C-alpha atoms as a PDB file:
ATOM      1  CA  MET A   1      -0.253   0.069  -0.034  1.00  0.00           C
ATOM      2  CA  GLY A   2       1.392   3.196  -1.082  1.00  0.00           C
ATOM      3  CA  HIS A   3       2.105   5.863   1.422  1.00  0.00           C
ATOM      4  CA  MET A   4      -0.557   9.125   1.569  1.00  0.00           C
ATOM      5  CA  GLU A   5       1.016  12.510   0.620  1.00  0.00           C
ATOM      6  CA  ILE A   6      -0.611  16.017   1.695  1.00  0.00           C
ATOM      7  CA  THR A   7       0.589  19.699  -0.015  1.00  0.00           C
ATOM      8  CA  ILE A   8       0.644  22.479   1.725  1.00  0.00           C
ATOM      9  CA  THR A   9       0.862  25.777  -0.497  1.00  0.00           C
ATOM     10  CA  ASN A  10       2.549  28.717   1.126  1.00  0.00           C
ATOM     11  CA  PRO A  11       1.823  27.494   4.921  1.00  0.00           C
ATOM     12  CA  LEU A  12       1.598  30.056   7.125  1.00  0.00           C
ATOM     13  CA  ASP A  13       2.205  30.987  11.101  1.00  0.00           C
ATOM     14  CA  MET A  14      -0.022  33.485  12.281  1.00  0.00           C
ATOM     15  CA  HIS A  15       1.545  33.742  15.740  1.00  0.00           C
ATOM     16  CA  LEU A  16       5.198  32.940  16.310  1.00  0.00           C
ATOM     17  CA  HIS A  17       7.793  33.739  19.070  1.00  0.00           C
ATOM     18  CA  VAL A  18      11.318  33.136  17.707  1.00  0.00           C
ATOM     19  CA  ARG A  19      12.745  35.311  20.890  1.00  0.00           C
ATOM     20  CA  ASP A  20      16.550  36.868  20.489  1.00  0.00           C
ATOM     21  CA  GLY A  21      20.189  36.309  20.917  1.00  0.00           C
ATOM     22  CA  GLU A  22      21.263  32.864  20.618  1.00  0.00           C
ATOM     23  CA  MET A  23      17.722  31.334  20.927  1.00  0.00           C
ATOM     24  CA  LEU A  24      16.524  33.053  17.975  1.00  0.00           C
ATOM     25  CA  GLN A  25      19.840  31.713  16.163  1.00  0.00           C
ATOM     26  CA  LEU A  26      18.524  28.052  16.972  1.00  0.00           C
ATOM     27  CA  VAL A  27      14.790  28.325  16.423  1.00  0.00           C
ATOM     28  CA  ALA A  28      14.435  30.787  13.173  1.00  0.00           C
ATOM     29  CA  PRO A  29      15.488  28.118  10.804  1.00  0.00           C
ATOM     30  CA  MET A  30      12.720  25.570  12.060  1.00  0.00           C
ATOM     31  CA  SER A  31       9.952  27.954  11.083  1.00  0.00           C
ATOM     32  CA  ALA A  32      11.745  29.094   7.894  1.00  0.00           C
ATOM     33  CA  ARG A  33      12.408  25.402   6.835  1.00  0.00           C
ATOM     34  CA  ASN A  34       8.808  24.477   7.359  1.00  0.00           C
ATOM     35  CA  PHE A  35       6.561  27.891   6.776  1.00  0.00           C
ATOM     36  CA  ALA A  36       6.404  30.079   3.965  1.00  0.00           C
ATOM     37  CA  GLY A  37       5.898  33.082   6.255  1.00  0.00           C
ATOM     38  CA  ALA A  38       4.875  33.847  10.314  1.00  0.00           C
ATOM     39  CA  VAL A  39       3.607  36.620  12.153  1.00  0.00           C
ATOM     40  CA  ILE A  40       6.584  37.444  14.441  1.00  0.00           C
ATOM     41  CA  MET A  41       5.685  38.461  18.216  1.00  0.00           C
ATOM     42  CA  PRO A  42       7.243  41.651  19.720  1.00  0.00           C
ATOM     43  CA  ASN A  43       7.473  40.632  23.260  1.00  0.00           C
ATOM     44  CA  LEU A  44      11.345  40.799  23.815  1.00  0.00           C
ATOM     45  CA  VAL A  45      12.462  41.631  26.922  1.00  0.00           C
ATOM     46  CA  GLN A  46      12.703  45.084  25.700  1.00  0.00           C
ATOM     47  CA  PRO A  47       9.383  45.458  23.847  1.00  0.00           C
ATOM     48  CA  VAL A  48       9.492  45.994  19.920  1.00  0.00           C
ATOM     49  CA  ALA A  49       7.666  49.334  20.532  1.00  0.00           C
ATOM     50  CA  ASN A  50       9.110  51.812  17.732  1.00  0.00           C
ATOM     51  CA  LEU A  51       9.638  51.432  14.131  1.00  0.00           C
ATOM     52  CA  GLN A  52      13.560  51.568  14.359  1.00  0.00           C
ATOM     53  CA  ALA A  53      13.271  48.657  16.698  1.00  0.00           C
ATOM     54  CA  MET A  54      11.119  46.584  14.476  1.00  0.00           C
ATOM     55  CA  HIS A  55      13.169  47.216  11.590  1.00  0.00           C
ATOM     56  CA  THR A  56      16.570  45.878  13.614  1.00  0.00           C
ATOM     57  CA  TYR A  57      14.432  43.170  15.058  1.00  0.00           C
ATOM     58  CA  ALA A  58      13.043  42.092  11.239  1.00  0.00           C
ATOM     59  CA  GLU A  59      16.926  42.368  10.153  1.00  0.00           C
ATOM     60  CA  ARG A  60      18.062  39.911  12.949  1.00  0.00           C
ATOM     61  CA  VAL A  61      14.966  37.524  12.442  1.00  0.00           C
ATOM     62  CA  ARG A  62      15.884  37.489   8.488  1.00  0.00           C
ATOM     63  CA  GLU A  63      19.504  36.712   9.035  1.00  0.00           C
ATOM     64  CA  ALA A  64      19.064  33.880  11.510  1.00  0.00           C
ATOM     65  CA  ALA A  65      16.265  32.183   9.474  1.00  0.00           C
ATOM     66  CA  ASN A  66      18.512  32.373   6.369  1.00  0.00           C
ATOM     67  CA  ASP A  67      15.652  31.450   4.232  1.00  0.00           C
ATOM     68  CA  SER A  68      14.736  33.741   1.127  1.00  0.00           C
ATOM     69  CA  HIS A  69      11.379  31.992   0.655  1.00  0.00           C
ATOM     70  CA  PHE A  70      10.237  32.787   4.196  1.00  0.00           C
ATOM     71  CA  THR A  71       8.367  36.396   4.570  1.00  0.00           C
ATOM     72  CA  LEU A  72       8.438  37.937   7.913  1.00  0.00           C
ATOM     73  CA  PHE A  73       5.076  39.691   8.974  1.00  0.00           C
ATOM     74  CA  MET A  74       6.527  41.733  11.769  1.00  0.00           C
ATOM     75  CA  THR A  75       4.204  43.403  14.736  1.00  0.00           C
ATOM     76  CA  LEU A  76       4.487  46.247  16.916  1.00  0.00           C
ATOM     77  CA  PHE A  77       4.096  45.984  20.901  1.00  0.00           C
ATOM     78  CA  PHE A  78       0.933  48.079  21.923  1.00  0.00           C
ATOM     79  CA  ARG A  79       1.201  51.676  22.834  1.00  0.00           C
ATOM     80  CA  ASN A  80      -0.622  55.022  22.477  1.00  0.00           C
ATOM     81  CA  TYR A  81       0.816  55.651  18.731  1.00  0.00           C
ATOM     82  CA  SER A  82       0.251  58.538  16.930  1.00  0.00           C
ATOM     83  CA  GLU A  83      -1.413  58.772  13.267  1.00  0.00           C
ATOM     84  CA  LYS A  84       2.066  59.825  11.885  1.00  0.00           C
ATOM     85  CA  GLU A  85       3.859  56.729  13.499  1.00  0.00           C
ATOM     86  CA  LEU A  86       1.332  54.258  12.514  1.00  0.00           C
ATOM     87  CA  ARG A  87       1.356  55.953   8.731  1.00  0.00           C
ATOM     88  CA  ALA A  88       4.971  55.554   8.729  1.00  0.00           C
ATOM     89  CA  ALA A  89       5.022  51.688  10.001  1.00  0.00           C
ATOM     90  CA  GLN A  90       2.447  51.132   7.029  1.00  0.00           C
ATOM     91  CA  ASN A  91       5.268  52.382   4.814  1.00  0.00           C
ATOM     92  CA  MET A  92       7.597  49.825   6.174  1.00  0.00           C
ATOM     93  CA  PRO A  93       8.231  46.269   4.261  1.00  0.00           C
ATOM     94  CA  ASN A  94       7.535  43.830   6.723  1.00  0.00           C
ATOM     95  CA  PHE A  95       5.273  45.505   8.867  1.00  0.00           C
ATOM     96  CA  PHE A  96       1.605  43.629   9.589  1.00  0.00           C
ATOM     97  CA  GLY A  97      -0.150  44.915  12.533  1.00  0.00           C
ATOM     98  CA  ILE A  98       0.024  45.792  16.717  1.00  0.00           C
ATOM     99  CA  LYS A  99       0.067  43.053  19.441  1.00  0.00           C
ATOM    100  CA  LEU A 100      -1.903  44.226  22.456  1.00  0.00           C
ATOM    101  CA  TYR A 101      -0.886  42.364  25.984  1.00  0.00           C
ATOM    102  CA  PRO A 102      -2.964  43.849  28.706  1.00  0.00           C
ATOM    103  CA  ALA A 103      -0.185  44.310  31.675  1.00  0.00           C
ATOM    104  CA  GLY A 104       1.437  41.274  33.012  1.00  0.00           C
ATOM    105  CA  VAL A 105      -0.907  38.820  31.567  1.00  0.00           C
ATOM    106  CA  THR A 106       2.158  36.728  30.013  1.00  0.00           C
ATOM    107  CA  THR A 107       5.790  36.520  29.136  1.00  0.00           C
ATOM    108  CA  ASN A 108       7.453  39.908  29.082  1.00  0.00           C
ATOM    109  CA  SER A 109       4.080  41.871  29.082  1.00  0.00           C
ATOM    110  CA  ASP A 110       4.690  44.272  32.120  1.00  0.00           C
ATOM    111  CA  GLU A 111       4.616  47.354  29.630  1.00  0.00           C
ATOM    112  CA  GLY A 112       1.083  46.281  28.227  1.00  0.00           C
ATOM    113  CA  VAL A 113      -2.029  48.254  28.206  1.00  0.00           C
ATOM    114  CA  ARG A 114      -3.757  48.977  31.979  1.00  0.00           C
ATOM    115  CA  SER A 115      -6.607  51.204  30.478  1.00  0.00           C
ATOM    116  CA  LEU A 116      -8.616  50.421  26.927  1.00  0.00           C
ATOM    117  CA  ARG A 117      -9.934  53.730  27.606  1.00  0.00           C
ATOM    118  CA  ALA A 118      -6.615  55.480  27.508  1.00  0.00           C
ATOM    119  CA  VAL A 119      -5.810  54.185  23.926  1.00  0.00           C
ATOM    120  CA  GLU A 120      -8.779  54.884  22.160  1.00  0.00           C
ATOM    121  CA  SER A 121      -7.445  57.278  19.778  1.00  0.00           C
ATOM    122  CA  THR A 122      -4.806  54.628  18.827  1.00  0.00           C
ATOM    123  CA  LEU A 123      -7.485  52.143  18.164  1.00  0.00           C
ATOM    124  CA  ARG A 124      -9.493  54.675  15.676  1.00  0.00           C
ATOM    125  CA  HIS A 125      -6.324  55.319  13.879  1.00  0.00           C
ATOM    126  CA  MET A 126      -5.890  52.012  13.161  1.00  0.00           C
ATOM    127  CA  GLU A 127      -9.400  51.388  12.353  1.00  0.00           C
ATOM    128  CA  GLU A 128      -9.046  54.385   9.661  1.00  0.00           C
ATOM    129  CA  LEU A 129      -5.799  53.022   8.628  1.00  0.00           C
ATOM    130  CA  GLY A 130      -6.992  49.329   8.020  1.00  0.00           C
ATOM    131  CA  ILE A 131      -4.009  48.150  10.521  1.00  0.00           C
ATOM    132  CA  PRO A 132      -5.156  44.675  12.115  1.00  0.00           C
ATOM    133  CA  LEU A 133      -5.011  44.659  15.975  1.00  0.00           C
ATOM    134  CA  LEU A 134      -3.912  41.287  17.728  1.00  0.00           C
ATOM    135  CA  VAL A 135      -5.226  40.990  21.005  1.00  0.00           C
ATOM    136  CA  HIS A 136      -3.884  38.005  23.818  1.00  0.00           C
ATOM    137  CA  GLY A 137      -7.168  38.393  25.368  1.00  0.00           C
ATOM    138  CA  GLU A 138      -6.892  37.458  29.022  1.00  0.00           C
ATOM    139  CA  SER A 139      -7.889  39.044  32.306  1.00  0.00           C
ATOM    140  CA  GLN A 140      -6.168  38.954  35.456  1.00  0.00           C
ATOM    141  CA  GLY A 141      -8.803  36.747  37.362  1.00  0.00           C
ATOM    142  CA  PHE A 142      -8.618  33.055  38.229  1.00  0.00           C
ATOM    143  CA  VAL A 143      -6.710  31.118  35.721  1.00  0.00           C
ATOM    144  CA  LEU A 144      -9.266  29.211  34.135  1.00  0.00           C
ATOM    145  CA  ASP A 145     -11.663  31.897  33.735  1.00  0.00           C
ATOM    146  CA  ARG A 146      -9.073  34.790  32.483  1.00  0.00           C
ATOM    147  CA  GLU A 147     -10.177  34.361  28.646  1.00  0.00           C
ATOM    148  CA  ALA A 148     -13.901  33.890  29.416  1.00  0.00           C
ATOM    149  CA  GLU A 149     -13.740  37.188  31.565  1.00  0.00           C
ATOM    150  CA  PHE A 150     -11.965  39.094  28.790  1.00  0.00           C
ATOM    151  CA  LEU A 151     -14.450  38.267  25.882  1.00  0.00           C
ATOM    152  CA  PRO A 152     -16.517  41.307  26.902  1.00  0.00           C
ATOM    153  CA  VAL A 153     -13.705  43.399  26.202  1.00  0.00           C
ATOM    154  CA  TYR A 154     -13.773  41.845  22.405  1.00  0.00           C
ATOM    155  CA  ARG A 155     -17.157  42.581  21.894  1.00  0.00           C
ATOM    156  CA  ARG A 156     -16.446  46.152  23.176  1.00  0.00           C
ATOM    157  CA  LEU A 157     -13.935  46.708  20.781  1.00  0.00           C
ATOM    158  CA  ALA A 158     -15.842  44.556  17.946  1.00  0.00           C
ATOM    159  CA  GLU A 159     -18.665  47.104  18.419  1.00  0.00           C
ATOM    160  CA  GLN A 160     -16.915  50.346  18.984  1.00  0.00           C
ATOM    161  CA  PHE A 161     -14.589  49.669  15.900  1.00  0.00           C
ATOM    162  CA  PRO A 162     -16.626  47.838  13.498  1.00  0.00           C
ATOM    163  CA  LYS A 163     -13.995  48.561  10.890  1.00  0.00           C
ATOM    164  CA  LEU A 164     -11.252  47.206  13.101  1.00  0.00           C
ATOM    165  CA  ILE A 165      -9.811  43.747  12.070  1.00  0.00           C
ATOM    166  CA  ILE A 166      -9.655  42.207  15.454  1.00  0.00           C
ATOM    167  CA  CYS A 167      -7.638  39.032  16.018  1.00  0.00           C
ATOM    168  CA  MET A 168      -8.409  36.925  19.101  1.00  0.00           C
ATOM    169  CA  GLU A 169      -5.019  35.246  19.605  1.00  0.00           C
ATOM    170  CA  HIS A 170      -4.848  31.535  20.608  1.00  0.00           C
ATOM    171  CA  ILE A 171      -8.404  31.163  21.876  1.00  0.00           C
ATOM    172  CA  THR A 172      -8.984  28.525  24.183  1.00  0.00           C
ATOM    173  CA  THR A 173     -12.898  28.050  25.076  1.00  0.00           C
ATOM    174  CA  ALA A 174     -16.178  27.226  23.380  1.00  0.00           C
ATOM    175  CA  ALA A 175     -17.154  30.837  24.600  1.00  0.00           C
ATOM    176  CA  ALA A 176     -14.643  32.313  22.275  1.00  0.00           C
ATOM    177  CA  ILE A 177     -15.854  30.473  19.417  1.00  0.00           C
ATOM    178  CA  GLN A 178     -19.553  31.399  19.969  1.00  0.00           C
ATOM    179  CA  LEU A 179     -18.260  35.192  20.053  1.00  0.00           C
ATOM    180  CA  LEU A 180     -16.567  35.144  16.936  1.00  0.00           C
ATOM    181  CA  ASN A 181     -19.489  34.016  15.103  1.00  0.00           C
ATOM    182  CA  GLU A 182     -21.509  37.388  16.369  1.00  0.00           C
ATOM    183  CA  HIS A 183     -18.924  39.497  15.040  1.00  0.00           C
ATOM    184  CA  GLU A 184     -17.867  39.717  11.323  1.00  0.00           C
ATOM    185  CA  ASN A 185     -14.572  41.833  12.171  1.00  0.00           C
ATOM    186  CA  LEU A 186     -13.456  39.338  14.860  1.00  0.00           C
ATOM    187  CA  CYS A 187     -10.956  36.611  13.755  1.00  0.00           C
ATOM    188  CA  ALA A 188      -8.975  33.945  15.503  1.00  0.00           C
ATOM    189  CA  THR A 189      -5.491  31.901  15.642  1.00  0.00           C
ATOM    190  CA  VAL A 190      -6.002  28.667  17.514  1.00  0.00           C
ATOM    191  CA  THR A 191      -2.585  26.572  18.366  1.00  0.00           C
ATOM    192  CA  LEU A 192      -1.772  23.097  17.628  1.00  0.00           C
ATOM    193  CA  HIS A 193      -1.420  22.509  21.357  1.00  0.00           C
ATOM    194  CA  HIS A 194      -4.894  23.723  22.267  1.00  0.00           C
ATOM    195  CA  LEU A 195      -6.203  21.459  19.651  1.00  0.00           C
ATOM    196  CA  GLU A 196      -4.416  18.451  21.350  1.00  0.00           C
ATOM    197  CA  LEU A 197      -4.331  19.245  24.885  1.00  0.00           C
ATOM    198  CA  THR A 198      -6.660  19.919  28.252  1.00  0.00           C
ATOM    199  CA  LEU A 199      -5.512  20.961  31.567  1.00  0.00           C
ATOM    200  CA  ASP A 200      -5.594  17.208  32.707  1.00  0.00           C
ATOM    201  CA  ASP A 201      -2.691  16.408  30.233  1.00  0.00           C
ATOM    202  CA  VAL A 202      -0.645  19.145  31.967  1.00  0.00           C
ATOM    203  CA  LEU A 203      -1.611  18.588  35.461  1.00  0.00           C
ATOM    204  CA  GLY A 204      -3.628  15.439  35.749  1.00  0.00           C
ATOM    205  CA  GLY A 205      -1.020  13.346  36.731  1.00  0.00           C
ATOM    206  CA  MET A 206       2.539  13.977  37.200  1.00  0.00           C
ATOM    207  CA  MET A 207       3.132  17.822  36.443  1.00  0.00           C
ATOM    208  CA  LYS A 208       4.522  18.350  32.938  1.00  0.00           C
ATOM    209  CA  PRO A 209       6.333  22.072  32.647  1.00  0.00           C
ATOM    210  CA  HIS A 210       6.790  21.322  29.125  1.00  0.00           C
ATOM    211  CA  LEU A 211       3.040  21.534  28.202  1.00  0.00           C
ATOM    212  CA  PHE A 212       2.223  24.434  30.624  1.00  0.00           C
ATOM    213  CA  CYS A 213       1.583  27.790  28.609  1.00  0.00           C
ATOM    214  CA  LYS A 214      -0.519  30.803  28.516  1.00  0.00           C
ATOM    215  CA  PRO A 215      -3.225  30.796  28.108  1.00  0.00           C
ATOM    216  CA  VAL A 216      -3.513  27.422  29.820  1.00  0.00           C
ATOM    217  CA  ALA A 217      -5.219  24.398  28.187  1.00  0.00           C
ATOM    218  CA  LYS A 218      -8.748  24.306  29.226  1.00  0.00           C
ATOM    219  CA  ARG A 219     -11.475  21.471  29.153  1.00  0.00           C
ATOM    220  CA  GLU A 220     -12.445  18.763  27.006  1.00  0.00           C
ATOM    221  CA  ASP A 221     -15.777  20.503  25.695  1.00  0.00           C
ATOM    222  CA  ASP A 222     -13.308  23.631  24.933  1.00  0.00           C
ATOM    223  CA  ARG A 223     -10.794  21.798  23.043  1.00  0.00           C
ATOM    224  CA  GLU A 224     -13.968  19.998  21.343  1.00  0.00           C
ATOM    225  CA  ALA A 225     -15.115  23.496  20.029  1.00  0.00           C
ATOM    226  CA  LEU A 226     -12.036  24.428  19.043  1.00  0.00           C
ATOM    227  CA  LEU A 227     -11.404  21.153  17.068  1.00  0.00           C
ATOM    228  CA  GLN A 228     -14.902  21.536  15.534  1.00  0.00           C
ATOM    229  CA  ALA A 229     -14.568  25.088  14.724  1.00  0.00           C
ATOM    230  CA  VAL A 230     -11.137  24.130  12.689  1.00  0.00           C
ATOM    231  CA  LEU A 231     -12.194  21.106  11.001  1.00  0.00           C
ATOM    232  CA  SER A 232     -15.131  22.532   9.745  1.00  0.00           C
ATOM    233  CA  GLY A 233     -13.122  24.978   7.818  1.00  0.00           C
ATOM    234  CA  HIS A 234     -14.481  28.067   9.700  1.00  0.00           C
ATOM    235  CA  PRO A 235     -13.452  31.019   7.743  1.00  0.00           C
ATOM    236  CA  ARG A 236     -11.981  33.428  10.284  1.00  0.00           C
ATOM    237  CA  VAL A 237      -9.835  30.748  12.139  1.00  0.00           C
ATOM    238  CA  MET A 238      -6.533  30.312  10.971  1.00  0.00           C
ATOM    239  CA  PHE A 239      -3.446  28.647  12.573  1.00  0.00           C
ATOM    240  CA  GLY A 240      -0.890  30.538  15.120  1.00  0.00           C
ATOM    241  CA  SER A 241       1.296  28.215  16.681  1.00  0.00           C
ATOM    242  CA  ASP A 242       2.346  30.467  19.653  1.00  0.00           C
ATOM    243  CA  SER A 243       5.386  28.365  19.547  1.00  0.00           C
ATOM    244  CA  ALA A 244       7.252  29.769  22.810  1.00  0.00           C
ATOM    245  CA  PRO A 245      10.821  28.337  23.223  1.00  0.00           C
ATOM    246  CA  HIS A 246      12.159  28.451  26.697  1.00  0.00           C
ATOM    247  CA  PRO A 247      15.646  26.812  27.850  1.00  0.00           C
ATOM    248  CA  VAL A 248      15.072  23.859  29.533  1.00  0.00           C
ATOM    249  CA  HIS A 249      16.393  25.503  32.968  1.00  0.00           C
ATOM    250  CA  LYS A 250      13.705  27.945  32.539  1.00  0.00           C
ATOM    251  CA  LYS A 251      10.882  25.056  32.195  1.00  0.00           C
ATOM    252  CA  GLU A 252      12.274  22.514  34.641  1.00  0.00           C
ATOM    253  CA  CYS A 253      12.561  24.551  37.678  1.00  0.00           C
ATOM    254  CA  CYS A 254      10.382  25.684  40.641  1.00  0.00           C
ATOM    255  CA  GLU A 255       9.152  28.927  38.838  1.00  0.00           C
ATOM    256  CA  CYS A 256       8.556  27.321  35.204  1.00  0.00           C
ATOM    257  CA  ALA A 257       8.011  29.494  32.584  1.00  0.00           C
ATOM    258  CA  ALA A 258       5.032  29.578  30.343  1.00  0.00           C
ATOM    259  CA  GLY A 259       5.406  28.532  26.699  1.00  0.00           C
ATOM    260  CA  ILE A 260       5.033  25.469  24.386  1.00  0.00           C
ATOM    261  CA  PHE A 261       7.654  24.751  21.716  1.00  0.00           C
ATOM    262  CA  SER A 262       5.946  23.459  18.911  1.00  0.00           C
ATOM    263  CA  ALA A 263       7.648  24.873  15.536  1.00  0.00           C
ATOM    264  CA  PRO A 264       9.518  21.724  14.322  1.00  0.00           C
ATOM    265  CA  VAL A 265       6.600  19.523  14.682  1.00  0.00           C
ATOM    266  CA  ALA A 266       3.420  21.975  14.071  1.00  0.00           C
ATOM    267  CA  LEU A 267       2.542  20.799  10.444  1.00  0.00           C
ATOM    268  CA  CYS A 268       3.104  17.045  11.177  1.00  0.00           C
ATOM    269  CA  CYS A 269       0.800  16.917  14.082  1.00  0.00           C
ATOM    270  CA  LEU A 270      -1.731  19.294  12.009  1.00  0.00           C
ATOM    271  CA  ALA A 271      -1.813  16.565   9.640  1.00  0.00           C
ATOM    272  CA  LYS A 272      -2.309  13.702  11.795  1.00  0.00           C
ATOM    273  CA  ILE A 273      -5.515  15.555  13.404  1.00  0.00           C
ATOM    274  CA  PHE A 274      -6.881  16.517  10.243  1.00  0.00           C
ATOM    275  CA  ALA A 275      -6.033  12.894   8.740  1.00  0.00           C
ATOM    276  CA  GLU A 276      -7.554  11.178  11.950  1.00  0.00           C
ATOM    277  CA  HIS A 277     -10.802  13.473  11.478  1.00  0.00           C
ATOM    278  CA  GLY A 278     -11.063  12.941   7.510  1.00  0.00           C
ATOM    279  CA  ALA A 279     -10.643  16.934   6.915  1.00  0.00           C
ATOM    280  CA  ILE A 280      -7.425  16.716   5.134  1.00  0.00           C
ATOM    281  CA  ASP A 281      -9.356  19.198   2.469  1.00  0.00           C
ATOM    282  CA  LYS A 282      -9.908  21.719   5.170  1.00  0.00           C
ATOM    283  CA  LEU A 283      -6.095  21.841   6.355  1.00  0.00           C
ATOM    284  CA  GLN A 284      -4.728  23.932   3.435  1.00  0.00           C
ATOM    285  CA  ALA A 285      -7.435  26.941   4.452  1.00  0.00           C
ATOM    286  CA  PHE A 286      -6.585  26.704   8.537  1.00  0.00           C
ATOM    287  CA  VAL A 287      -2.828  27.017   7.575  1.00  0.00           C
ATOM    288  CA  SER A 288      -2.891  29.402   4.566  1.00  0.00           C
ATOM    289  CA  ASP A 289      -5.993  30.737   2.902  1.00  0.00           C
ATOM    290  CA  ASN A 290      -7.921  31.970   5.487  1.00  0.00           C
ATOM    291  CA  ALA A 291      -5.237  34.254   6.746  1.00  0.00           C
ATOM    292  CA  CYS A 292      -4.348  35.289   3.000  1.00  0.00           C
ATOM    293  CA  ARG A 293      -7.855  36.404   2.218  1.00  0.00           C
ATOM    294  CA  ARG A 294      -8.371  38.003   5.904  1.00  0.00           C
ATOM    295  CA  TYR A 295      -5.308  40.293   5.299  1.00  0.00           C
ATOM    296  CA  ASN A 296      -4.413  40.181   1.656  1.00  0.00           C
ATOM    297  CA  LEU A 297      -1.350  38.503   2.175  1.00  0.00           C
ATOM    298  CA  ILE A 298       1.199  37.569  -0.565  1.00  0.00           C
ATOM    299  CA  PRO A 299       3.514  35.101   1.111  1.00  0.00           C
ATOM    300  CA  SER A 300       6.499  33.695  -0.400  1.00  0.00           C
ATOM    301  CA  LYS A 301       6.019  30.846  -2.400  1.00  0.00           C
ATOM    302  CA  LYS A 302       6.657  27.202  -0.803  1.00  0.00           C
ATOM    303  CA  LYS A 303       5.102  23.820  -1.155  1.00  0.00           C
ATOM    304  CA  VAL A 304       5.453  21.528   1.843  1.00  0.00           C
ATOM    305  CA  ILE A 305       4.671  17.964   1.003  1.00  0.00           C
ATOM    306  CA  LEU A 306       4.002  15.896   4.133  1.00  0.00           C
ATOM    307  CA  CYS A 307       3.595  12.202   4.117  1.00  0.00           C
ATOM    308  CA  ASP A 308       2.265   9.497   6.314  1.00  0.00           C
ATOM    309  CA  THR A 309       5.799   8.129   7.022  1.00  0.00           C
ATOM    310  CA  PRO A 310       6.486   8.699  11.019  1.00  0.00           C
ATOM    311  CA  MET A 311       8.948  11.290  12.510  1.00  0.00           C
ATOM    312  CA  GLN A 312      10.951  10.231  15.517  1.00  0.00           C
ATOM    313  CA  VAL A 313      10.566  13.605  17.576  1.00  0.00           C
ATOM    314  CA  PRO A 314      13.815  14.229  19.152  1.00  0.00           C
ATOM    315  CA  MET A 315      14.112  14.857  22.891  1.00  0.00           C
ATOM    316  CA  GLU A 316      15.857  18.165  22.572  1.00  0.00           C
ATOM    317  CA  TYR A 317      16.931  20.715  20.081  1.00  0.00           C
ATOM    318  CA  CYS A 318      20.639  21.829  20.919  1.00  0.00           C
ATOM    319  CA  GLY A 319      22.590  24.796  19.523  1.00  0.00           C
ATOM    320  CA  TYR A 320      24.143  28.149  20.111  1.00  0.00           C
ATOM    321  CA  GLY A 321      24.517  27.484  23.613  1.00  0.00           C
ATOM    322  CA  GLN A 322      20.766  26.799  24.039  1.00  0.00           C
ATOM    323  CA  LYS A 323      18.644  23.618  25.023  1.00  0.00           C
ATOM    324  CA  ILE A 324      15.170  23.486  23.957  1.00  0.00           C
ATOM    325  CA  THR A 325      12.240  20.681  24.777  1.00  0.00           C
ATOM    326  CA  PRO A 326       9.915  20.501  21.974  1.00  0.00           C
ATOM    327  CA  LEU A 327       6.145  19.264  22.182  1.00  0.00           C
ATOM    328  CA  HIS A 328       5.860  15.313  21.945  1.00  0.00           C
ATOM    329  CA  ALA A 329       9.692  15.253  22.753  1.00  0.00           C
ATOM    330  CA  GLY A 330      10.614  11.675  22.254  1.00  0.00           C
ATOM    331  CA  GLU A 331       7.510  10.332  20.646  1.00  0.00           C
ATOM    332  CA  GLN A 332       6.752   9.172  17.094  1.00  0.00           C
ATOM    333  CA  VAL A 333       4.400  11.554  15.065  1.00  0.00           C
ATOM    334  CA  PRO A 334       2.569   9.389  12.179  1.00  0.00           C
ATOM    335  CA  TRP A 335       3.334  12.062   9.546  1.00  0.00           C
ATOM    336  CA  SER A 336       6.561  14.069   8.599  1.00  0.00           C
ATOM    337  CA  ILE A 337       7.661  16.448   6.109  1.00  0.00           C
ATOM    338  CA  LYS A 338       9.073  14.663   2.994  1.00  0.00           C
ATOM    339  CA  ASN A 339       9.734  17.650   0.832  1.00  0.00           C
ATOM    340  CA  VAL A 340       9.595  21.321   0.991  1.00  0.00           C
ATOM    341  CA  GLU A 341       9.762  22.904  -2.695  1.00  0.00           C
ATOM    342  CA  VAL A 342      10.435  26.878  -3.625  1.00  0.00           C
END
């Protein structure tokens, strides 16, 4: 019996952390190899909050990725930007949108927004100029309720700025899917790990630090709602890995950092999910077409051919003085990448 193959044209990762320095050198090539482009998150230790910082960061990412067929879609860390600054950003070749973090909700977000009312002028300018708003949508409440508590903020933004494209990043709940269906100007990214995991996988037996992320994995009915939206081909749901590498010593310690490193296995694991559910025909839209249509994107040309030959996932990835444990470390994933064509 012959092997099954899936060809994905121009796969995009609409939510990616590649960090900086030595970690950037190690992880950027892994995404560049398998994707035609990615939306690069701005929450470095010194957030990317001005055009010069964005330009120099893009140069560092491009150099580290070392792949001319990997398009960078850069983001600015949200603050009160003037109309002049936003127009200047639009004139920069790699600029994509602005990422809003409520203050303190995740890694390196202490400089985030404390009051949405205080930044309404920036949101109005973004709406007028057609600049997407990407949001880490969590409150400071009880950890399992943080996304649900933030949904009224999304609703208010969607109604107050009806022409603003608002992306609910890495949604994790059935309630978020329900809200998505109520407003045409909302869209959402969904991660691989939230399609695979519930909180039970993280904490139900021995605690697994490499599966700890923010937003935390939720309940089974939430995971099922995400799967249903993705597998049914929801036109405003797109793949964003939220692959977020941390060195092993930052994960295996008493104050474990939040983040799952999924970049090397993302497409193979998605192929497994879509194949198991008889929805291979919906994978192309999820990992590319929906995003291209929503944002009028033209990524680099790249075809990734997946086949149902198992991939052995390494226990760790090492290099540049860094050591990272990937999702599914030491396991066999039933799909692998056969070839990449540019």
